[in-house]
C-alpha atoms as a PDB file:
ATOM      1  CA  MET A   1      90.307 110.926  79.671  1.00  0.00           C
ATOM      2  CA  THR A   2      93.799 110.356  80.804  1.00  0.00           C
ATOM      3  CA  VAL A   3      92.974 113.749  83.120  1.00  0.00           C
ATOM      4  CA  GLU A   4      89.581 115.282  84.164  1.00  0.00           C
ATOM      5  CA  VAL A   5      88.892 117.830  86.764  1.00  0.00           C
ATOM      6  CA  LEU A   6      86.001 117.922  89.692  1.00  0.00           C
ATOM      7  CA  LYS A   7      84.130 120.916  88.008  1.00  0.00           C
ATOM      8  CA  SER A   8      81.412 121.843  91.199  1.00  0.00           C
ATOM      9  CA  ARG A   9      80.531 120.083  94.572  1.00  0.00           C
ATOM     10  CA  LYS A  10      76.928 119.252  92.429  1.00  0.00           C
ATOM     11  CA  GLN A  11      79.062 116.994  90.724  1.00  0.00           C
ATOM     12  CA  MET A  12      80.451 115.362  93.766  1.00  0.00           C
ATOM     13  CA  ALA A  13      76.299 115.345  94.736  1.00  0.00           C
ATOM     14  CA  GLU A  14      75.322 113.581  91.495  1.00  0.00           C
ATOM     15  CA  ALA A  15      77.786 110.963  92.192  1.00  0.00           C
ATOM     16  CA  ARG A  16      76.840 109.918  95.508  1.00  0.00           C
ATOM     17  CA  ALA A  17      73.262 109.921  94.150  1.00  0.00           C
ATOM     18  CA  GLY A  18      74.144 107.552  91.523  1.00  0.00           C
ATOM     19  CA  MET A  19      75.572 105.327  93.828  1.00  0.00           C
ATOM     20  CA  ARG A  20      72.880 105.277  96.446  1.00  0.00           C
ATOM     21  CA  ARG A  21      70.762 104.432  93.188  1.00  0.00           C
ATOM     22  CA  ARG A  22      72.603 101.235  92.415  1.00  0.00           C
ATOM     23  CA  ARG A  23      73.233 100.543  95.948  1.00  0.00           C
ATOM     24  CA  ILE A  24      76.644 100.127  95.897  1.00  0.00           C
ATOM     25  CA  ASP A  25      77.358 103.075  98.411  1.00  0.00           C
ATOM     26  CA  CYS A  26      79.541 101.503 100.756  1.00  0.00           C
ATOM     27  CA  ALA A  27      79.903 105.026 103.225  1.00  0.00           C
ATOM     28  CA  SER A  28      79.591 105.017 106.677  1.00  0.00           C
ATOM     29  CA  THR A  29      75.933 106.094 107.903  1.00  0.00           C
ATOM     30  CA  PHE A  30      75.730 109.157 110.504  1.00  0.00           C
ATOM     31  CA  ALA A  31      74.520 106.876 112.937  1.00  0.00           C
ATOM     32  CA  GLU A  32      76.952 104.783 112.608  1.00  0.00           C
ATOM     33  CA  ARG A  33      79.964 107.454 112.432  1.00  0.00           C
ATOM     34  CA  VAL A  34      77.943 108.795 116.312  1.00  0.00           C
ATOM     35  CA  LEU A  35      78.002 105.167 117.402  1.00  0.00           C
ATOM     36  CA  ARG A  36      81.626 104.614 117.043  1.00  0.00           C
ATOM     37  CA  LYS A  37      82.941 107.730 118.248  1.00  0.00           C
ATOM     38  CA  PHE A  38      81.301 107.089 121.808  1.00  0.00           C
ATOM     39  CA  GLY A  39      82.729 103.016 121.017  1.00  0.00           C
ATOM     40  CA  LEU A  40      79.411 101.720 120.584  1.00  0.00           C
ATOM     41  CA  LEU A  41      79.889 100.070 117.424  1.00  0.00           C
ATOM     42  CA  LYS A  42      83.300  98.318 116.024  1.00  0.00           C
ATOM     43  CA  GLY A  43      85.052  98.641 112.984  1.00  0.00           C
ATOM     44  CA  ILE A  44      86.084 102.004 111.542  1.00  0.00           C
ATOM     45  CA  ASN A  45      84.557 104.465 109.240  1.00  0.00           C
ATOM     46  CA  VAL A  46      84.352 104.345 105.853  1.00  0.00           C
ATOM     47  CA  GLY A  47      84.253 106.689 103.133  1.00  0.00           C
ATOM     48  CA  ASP A  48      83.912 110.536 102.661  1.00  0.00           C
ATOM     49  CA  GLY A  49      81.382 112.193 101.273  1.00  0.00           C
ATOM     50  CA  THR A  50      84.005 114.703  99.238  1.00  0.00           C
ATOM     51  CA  LYS A  51      85.349 111.476  97.688  1.00  0.00           C
ATOM     52  CA  SER A  52      82.058 110.668  95.707  1.00  0.00           C
ATOM     53  CA  TRP A  53      82.916 111.890  92.144  1.00  0.00           C
ATOM     54  CA  ASP A  54      86.490 110.083  91.898  1.00  0.00           C
ATOM     55  CA  VAL A  55      85.614 107.060  93.685  1.00  0.00           C
ATOM     56  CA  TYR A  56      82.413 106.732  91.256  1.00  0.00           C
ATOM     57  CA  LYS A  57      84.241 107.448  88.067  1.00  0.00           C
ATOM     58  CA  THR A  58      87.157 104.971  89.700  1.00  0.00           C
ATOM     59  CA  ILE A  59      84.616 102.379  89.760  1.00  0.00           C
ATOM     60  CA  ARG A  60      82.809 102.596  86.721  1.00  0.00           C
ATOM     61  CA  PHE A  61      85.920 102.662  84.766  1.00  0.00           C
ATOM     62  CA  ILE A  62      86.722  99.446  86.260  1.00  0.00           C
ATOM     63  CA  GLU A  63      83.511  97.823  85.185  1.00  0.00           C
ATOM     64  CA  GLU A  64      84.157  98.721  81.706  1.00  0.00           C
ATOM     65  CA  HIS A  65      87.261  98.478  81.423  1.00  0.00           C
ATOM     66  CA  VAL A  66      88.755  95.394  83.973  1.00  0.00           C
ATOM     67  CA  PRO A  67      87.349  92.048  84.211  1.00  0.00           C
ATOM     68  CA  LYS A  68      86.109  90.402  87.493  1.00  0.00           C
ATOM     69  CA  ASP A  69      88.854  87.736  87.993  1.00  0.00           C
ATOM     70  CA  ILE A  70      91.434  90.537  87.625  1.00  0.00           C
ATOM     71  CA  PRO A  71      93.319  91.452  90.656  1.00  0.00           C
ATOM     72  CA  VAL A  72      92.973  94.733  92.032  1.00  0.00           C
ATOM     73  CA  LEU A  73      95.069  96.506  94.176  1.00  0.00           C
ATOM     74  CA  ASP A  74      93.707  99.662  96.016  1.00  0.00           C
ATOM     75  CA  ILE A  75      96.973 101.886  98.232  1.00  0.00           C
ATOM     76  CA  GLY A  76      95.962 103.960 100.861  1.00  0.00           C
ATOM     77  CA  ALA A  77      92.755 101.714 101.585  1.00  0.00           C
ATOM     78  CA  CYS A  78      92.214 102.338 104.952  1.00  0.00           C
ATOM     79  CA  GLU A  79      88.449 104.212 105.170  1.00  0.00           C
ATOM     80  CA  CYS A  80      88.442 104.142 101.153  1.00  0.00           C
ATOM     81  CA  GLU A  81      85.423 102.746  99.371  1.00  0.00           C
ATOM     82  CA  ILE A  82      86.841 101.386  96.327  1.00  0.00           C
ATOM     83  CA  LEU A  83      87.186  97.820  97.767  1.00  0.00           C
ATOM     84  CA  PRO A  84      84.166  97.134  99.410  1.00  0.00           C
ATOM     85  CA  ILE A  85      82.446  98.556  96.671  1.00  0.00           C
ATOM     86  CA  LEU A  86      84.454  96.365  94.055  1.00  0.00           C
ATOM     87  CA  HIS A  87      83.659  93.413  96.222  1.00  0.00           C
ATOM     88  CA  ARG A  88      79.861  94.268  96.415  1.00  0.00           C
ATOM     89  CA  ILE A  89      79.597  94.275  92.662  1.00  0.00           C
ATOM     90  CA  GLY A  90      81.250  90.895  92.405  1.00  0.00           C
ATOM     91  CA  TYR A  91      85.048  91.441  92.236  1.00  0.00           C
ATOM     92  CA  ARG A  92      86.670  88.544  93.002  1.00  0.00           C
ATOM     93  CA  ASP A  93      90.618  89.483  93.908  1.00  0.00           C
ATOM     94  CA  LEU A  94      91.037  91.946  95.787  1.00  0.00           C
ATOM     95  CA  THR A  95      94.315  93.455  98.077  1.00  0.00           C
ATOM     96  CA  GLY A  96      94.097  96.835 100.097  1.00  0.00           C
ATOM     97  CA  ILE A  97      97.433  98.158 101.425  1.00  0.00           C
ATOM     98  CA  ASP A  98      97.788 100.953 104.025  1.00  0.00           C
ATOM     99  CA  LEU A  99     100.563 102.295 106.433  1.00  0.00           C
ATOM    100  CA  ASP A 100      97.186 102.860 109.209  1.00  0.00           C
ATOM    101  CA  ALA A 101      96.934  99.242 111.017  1.00  0.00           C
ATOM    102  CA  ARG A 102      93.464 100.239 111.442  1.00  0.00           C
ATOM    103  CA  ILE A 103      92.917  98.598 107.756  1.00  0.00           C
ATOM    104  CA  HIS A 104      92.659  95.244 109.332  1.00  0.00           C
ATOM    105  CA  GLU A 105      88.759  96.310 110.655  1.00  0.00           C
ATOM    106  CA  MET A 106      88.050  97.573 106.991  1.00  0.00           C
ATOM    107  CA  PRO A 107      84.729  95.365 105.826  1.00  0.00           C
ATOM    108  CA  HIS A 108      84.435  91.972 104.160  1.00  0.00           C
ATOM    109  CA  ALA A 109      88.237  91.536 105.749  1.00  0.00           C
ATOM    110  CA  ASP A 110      87.572  87.617 105.114  1.00  0.00           C
ATOM    111  CA  ALA A 111      87.473  87.952 101.379  1.00  0.00           C
ATOM    112  CA  ILE A 112      89.322  91.181 100.697  1.00  0.00           C
ATOM    113  CA  ARG A 113      93.275  90.450 101.277  1.00  0.00           C
ATOM    114  CA  TYR A 114      94.195  93.858 103.985  1.00  0.00           C
ATOM    115  CA  LEU A 115      97.788  94.627 104.397  1.00  0.00           C
ATOM    116  CA  THR A 116      99.615  97.072 106.664  1.00  0.00           C
ATOM    117  CA  GLY A 117     102.841  98.410 104.517  1.00  0.00           C
ATOM    118  CA  ASP A 118     104.329 100.816 102.774  1.00  0.00           C
ATOM    119  CA  PHE A 119     103.371 100.130  98.770  1.00  0.00           C
ATOM    120  CA  THR A 120     106.896 101.282  97.550  1.00  0.00           C
ATOM    121  CA  ARG A 121     108.096  97.960  99.237  1.00  0.00           C
ATOM    122  CA  MET A 122     105.360  95.254  98.351  1.00  0.00           C
ATOM    123  CA  GLU A 123     106.499  91.402  98.819  1.00  0.00           C
ATOM    124  CA  CYS A 124     104.703  90.225  95.564  1.00  0.00           C
ATOM    125  CA  GLU A 125     105.261  89.136  92.377  1.00  0.00           C
ATOM    126  CA  ASP A 126     106.474  91.294  89.223  1.00  0.00           C
ATOM    127  CA  GLY A 127     102.905  91.592  87.314  1.00  0.00           C
ATOM    128  CA  SER A 128     100.927  90.568  90.325  1.00  0.00           C
ATOM    129  CA  PHE A 129      97.813  92.863  89.463  1.00  0.00           C
ATOM    130  CA  GLY A 130      95.544  94.330  86.408  1.00  0.00           C
ATOM    131  CA  CYS A 131      94.805  97.698  87.993  1.00  0.00           C
ATOM    132  CA  VAL A 132      96.417  99.185  90.882  1.00  0.00           C
ATOM    133  CA  THR A 133      94.067 102.573  92.613  1.00  0.00           C
ATOM    134  CA  ALA A 134      94.675 105.677  94.710  1.00  0.00           C
ATOM    135  CA  ILE A 135      92.133 107.687  95.930  1.00  0.00           C
ATOM    136  CA  SER A 136      93.696 110.916  97.084  1.00  0.00           C
ATOM    137  CA  VAL A 137      96.773 109.007  98.378  1.00  0.00           C
ATOM    138  CA  ILE A 138      99.743 109.656  96.213  1.00  0.00           C
ATOM    139  CA  GLU A 139     100.069 113.351  97.255  1.00  0.00           C
ATOM    140  CA  HIS A 140     100.880 112.535 100.391  1.00  0.00           C
ATOM    141  CA  GLY A 141     104.767 112.019 100.845  1.00  0.00           C
ATOM    142  CA  PHE A 142     104.622 112.153  96.822  1.00  0.00           C
ATOM    143  CA  ASP A 143     107.801 110.393  95.408  1.00  0.00           C
ATOM    144  CA  GLY A 144     106.881 109.917  91.629  1.00  0.00           C
ATOM    145  CA  GLN A 145     109.843 108.329  90.802  1.00  0.00           C
ATOM    146  CA  GLY A 146     109.416 105.604  93.719  1.00  0.00           C
ATOM    147  CA  LEU A 147     105.959 105.337  92.780  1.00  0.00           C
ATOM    148  CA  LEU A 148     106.305 104.892  89.018  1.00  0.00           C
ATOM    149  CA  ALA A 149     109.277 102.026  89.119  1.00  0.00           C
ATOM    150  CA  GLU A 150     107.130 100.037  92.028  1.00  0.00           C
ATOM    151  CA  LEU A 151     103.464 100.328  89.755  1.00  0.00           C
ATOM    152  CA  SER A 152     105.452  99.249  86.680  1.00  0.00           C
ATOM    153  CA  ARG A 153     107.019  96.263  88.488  1.00  0.00           C
ATOM    154  CA  ILE A 154     103.593  94.758  89.433  1.00  0.00           C
ATOM    155  CA  LEU A 155     101.133  95.852  87.044  1.00  0.00           C
ATOM    156  CA  ARG A 156     100.703  93.742  84.231  1.00  0.00           C
ATOM    157  CA  PRO A 157     101.275  94.844  80.403  1.00  0.00           C
ATOM    158  CA  GLY A 158      97.707  96.697  79.317  1.00  0.00           C
ATOM    159  CA  GLY A 159      97.124  97.119  83.430  1.00  0.00           C
ATOM    160  CA  HIS A 160      95.757 100.545  84.684  1.00  0.00           C
ATOM    161  CA  PHE A 161      96.925 102.913  87.279  1.00  0.00           C
ATOM    162  CA  ILE A 162      93.868 104.700  88.805  1.00  0.00           C
ATOM    163  CA  ALA A 163      94.056 107.192  90.616  1.00  0.00           C
ATOM    164  CA  SER A 164      92.608 110.844  91.982  1.00  0.00           C
ATOM    165  CA  VAL A 165      94.876 113.924  93.481  1.00  0.00           C
ATOM    166  CA  ASP A 166      94.374 117.330  95.268  1.00  0.00           C
ATOM    167  CA  TYR A 167      94.440 119.695  92.494  1.00  0.00           C
ATOM    168  CA  TRP A 168      94.209 123.246  91.658  1.00  0.00           C
ATOM    169  CA  PRO A 169      95.640 124.564  88.158  1.00  0.00           C
ATOM    170  CA  LYS A 170      98.045 127.210  89.910  1.00  0.00           C
ATOM    171  CA  LYS A 171     100.446 126.482  92.715  1.00  0.00           C
ATOM    172  CA  ILE A 172      99.002 126.287  95.823  1.00  0.00           C
ATOM    173  CA  ASP A 173     101.811 126.424  98.640  1.00  0.00           C
ATOM    174  CA  THR A 174     101.420 123.818 101.632  1.00  0.00           C
ATOM    175  CA  ALA A 175     105.113 124.116 102.443  1.00  0.00           C
ATOM    176  CA  GLY A 176     105.406 123.063 106.231  1.00  0.00           C
ATOM    177  CA  ILE A 177     102.070 121.361 106.526  1.00  0.00           C
ATOM    178  CA  ILE A 178     102.104 117.869 107.449  1.00  0.00           C
ATOM    179  CA  ALA A 179      99.467 115.384 106.886  1.00  0.00           C
ATOM    180  CA  PHE A 180      99.282 111.771 108.279  1.00  0.00           C
ATOM    181  CA  GLY A 181     102.946 112.255 109.215  1.00  0.00           C
ATOM    182  CA  MET A 182     103.878 112.988 105.607  1.00  0.00           C
ATOM    183  CA  ASP A 183     104.224 116.185 103.718  1.00  0.00           C
ATOM    184  CA  TRP A 184     101.400 117.373 101.539  1.00  0.00           C
ATOM    185  CA  ARG A 185     101.320 118.443  98.068  1.00  0.00           C
ATOM    186  CA  ILE A 186      98.378 120.272  96.089  1.00  0.00           C
ATOM    187  CA  PHE A 187      99.232 119.369  92.104  1.00  0.00           C
ATOM    188  CA  SER A 188      99.348 122.360  89.986  1.00  0.00           C
ATOM    189  CA  GLU A 189      98.669 121.421  86.513  1.00  0.00           C
ATOM    190  CA  PRO A 190     102.351 121.590  85.555  1.00  0.00           C
ATOM    191  CA  GLU A 191     103.337 119.337  87.879  1.00  0.00           C
ATOM    192  CA  LEU A 192     100.622 116.721  87.175  1.00  0.00           C
ATOM    193  CA  ARG A 193     102.118 116.926  83.160  1.00  0.00           C
ATOM    194  CA  ASP A 194     105.382 116.859  84.388  1.00  0.00           C
ATOM    195  CA  PHE A 195     104.329 113.311  86.280  1.00  0.00           C
ATOM    196  CA  ILE A 196     102.254 111.868  82.917  1.00  0.00           C
ATOM    197  CA  LEU A 197     105.780 112.685  80.928  1.00  0.00           C
ATOM    198  CA  ASP A 198     107.609 111.001  83.811  1.00  0.00           C
ATOM    199  CA  ALA A 199     105.175 107.883  83.620  1.00  0.00           C
ATOM    200  CA  LYS A 200     106.319 107.706  80.050  1.00  0.00           C
ATOM    201  CA  ARG A 201     109.752 106.867  80.790  1.00  0.00           C
ATOM    202  CA  PHE A 202     108.160 103.716  83.003  1.00  0.00           C
ATOM    203  CA  GLY A 203     106.100 102.122  80.289  1.00  0.00           C
ATOM    204  CA  PHE A 204     102.868 103.984  81.050  1.00  0.00           C
ATOM    205  CA  SER A 205     100.954 105.408  78.195  1.00  0.00           C
ATOM    206  CA  PRO A 206      97.896 108.369  78.577  1.00  0.00           C
ATOM    207  CA  HIS A 207      94.665 106.603  78.611  1.00  0.00           C
ATOM    208  CA  GLY A 208      92.683 109.230  76.627  1.00  0.00           C
ATOM    209  CA  GLU A 209      92.204 112.963  76.500  1.00  0.00           C
ATOM    210  CA  THR A 210      93.011 115.549  79.036  1.00  0.00           C
ATOM    211  CA  ASP A 211      91.412 118.240  80.223  1.00  0.00           C
ATOM    212  CA  PHE A 212      93.081 120.008  82.816  1.00  0.00           C
ATOM    213  CA  THR A 213      90.688 123.473  83.392  1.00  0.00           C
ATOM    214  CA  ALA A 214      89.177 123.866  87.138  1.00  0.00           C
ATOM    215  CA  GLU A 215      86.069 126.049  87.800  1.00  0.00           C
ATOM    216  CA  GLU A 216      85.053 125.648  91.433  1.00  0.00           C
ATOM    217  CA  ARG A 217      87.080 125.057  94.719  1.00  0.00           C
ATOM    218  CA  THR A 218      85.188 122.116  95.816  1.00  0.00           C
ATOM    219  CA  THR A 219      86.834 121.534  98.734  1.00  0.00           C
ATOM    220  CA  THR A 220      88.597 122.942 101.734  1.00  0.00           C
ATOM    221  CA  TRP A 221      91.264 121.326 103.936  1.00  0.00           C
ATOM    222  CA  LYS A 222      94.050 122.751 106.312  1.00  0.00           C
ATOM    223  CA  GLY A 223      93.346 125.859 105.254  1.00  0.00           C
ATOM    224  CA  LYS A 224      93.517 125.167 101.503  1.00  0.00           C
ATOM    225  CA  HIS A 225      90.906 125.351  98.837  1.00  0.00           C
ATOM    226  CA  TYR A 226      91.157 123.141  95.692  1.00  0.00           C
ATOM    227  CA  THR A 227      89.476 120.326  94.233  1.00  0.00           C
ATOM    228  CA  PHE A 228      90.061 117.165  92.604  1.00  0.00           C
ATOM    229  CA  ALA A 229      91.791 115.690  89.588  1.00  0.00           C
ATOM    230  CA  TRP A 230      91.375 112.322  88.240  1.00  0.00           C
ATOM    231  CA  LEU A 231      93.811 110.368  86.086  1.00  0.00           C
ATOM    232  CA  VAL A 232      94.463 107.010  84.508  1.00  0.00           C
ATOM    233  CA  LEU A 233      97.843 105.274  82.902  1.00  0.00           C
ATOM    234  CA  ARG A 234      97.974 102.342  81.070  1.00  0.00           C
ATOM    235  CA  LYS A 235     101.034 100.509  81.212  1.00  0.00           C
ATOM    236  CA  ASP A 236     102.416  99.385  77.623  1.00  0.00           C
ATOM    237  CA  PRO A 237     101.626  96.096  76.083  1.00  0.00           C
END
């Protein structure tokens, strides 16, 4: 699928259960979160229960389409499970970038390259990565043209961009809401379709079919009720 939408909270629970069965769940436990709250445990909390479905879909897609020696970049990597899980299942060339300096407290910092900075201003060579992931990231301070331009530069031909975004088919107004120091967008179906069309102009093709339909508003944040969409774009060879 190029676009798939989380239909229910049940799918979240099923995804988390699937990760636990495979022993690749890297989310911090309740006890760890309590200990960190009181300063009794170092490091930062990783993972979010609401991000189970898109994280697991991303991991399974990478396992099926990306060899373990291909460089993978996760943008907005602070607190995200993607890189710790990939490390656990044997991926060897992993990089994460985030504006949050706490990224250097992430797990496996001895094996994963963590960078503090802006993804759109990365100091890396063209074609540095074979896969780029972004879990609920691009809707914050969204700059479609800048994002696609940098993705086109750093992805190798045939490489994949895999992302999840906050989503509801009809427009939900988030004007004036600031999150992580940036404006926040809940993508509507027309906005997500426009992003995919823009991506074609930067040399990206949809990967499979699209399904923009939603059923259940699976999450609530900052007073807004919505769900998540997951998408995959492939850089043309």
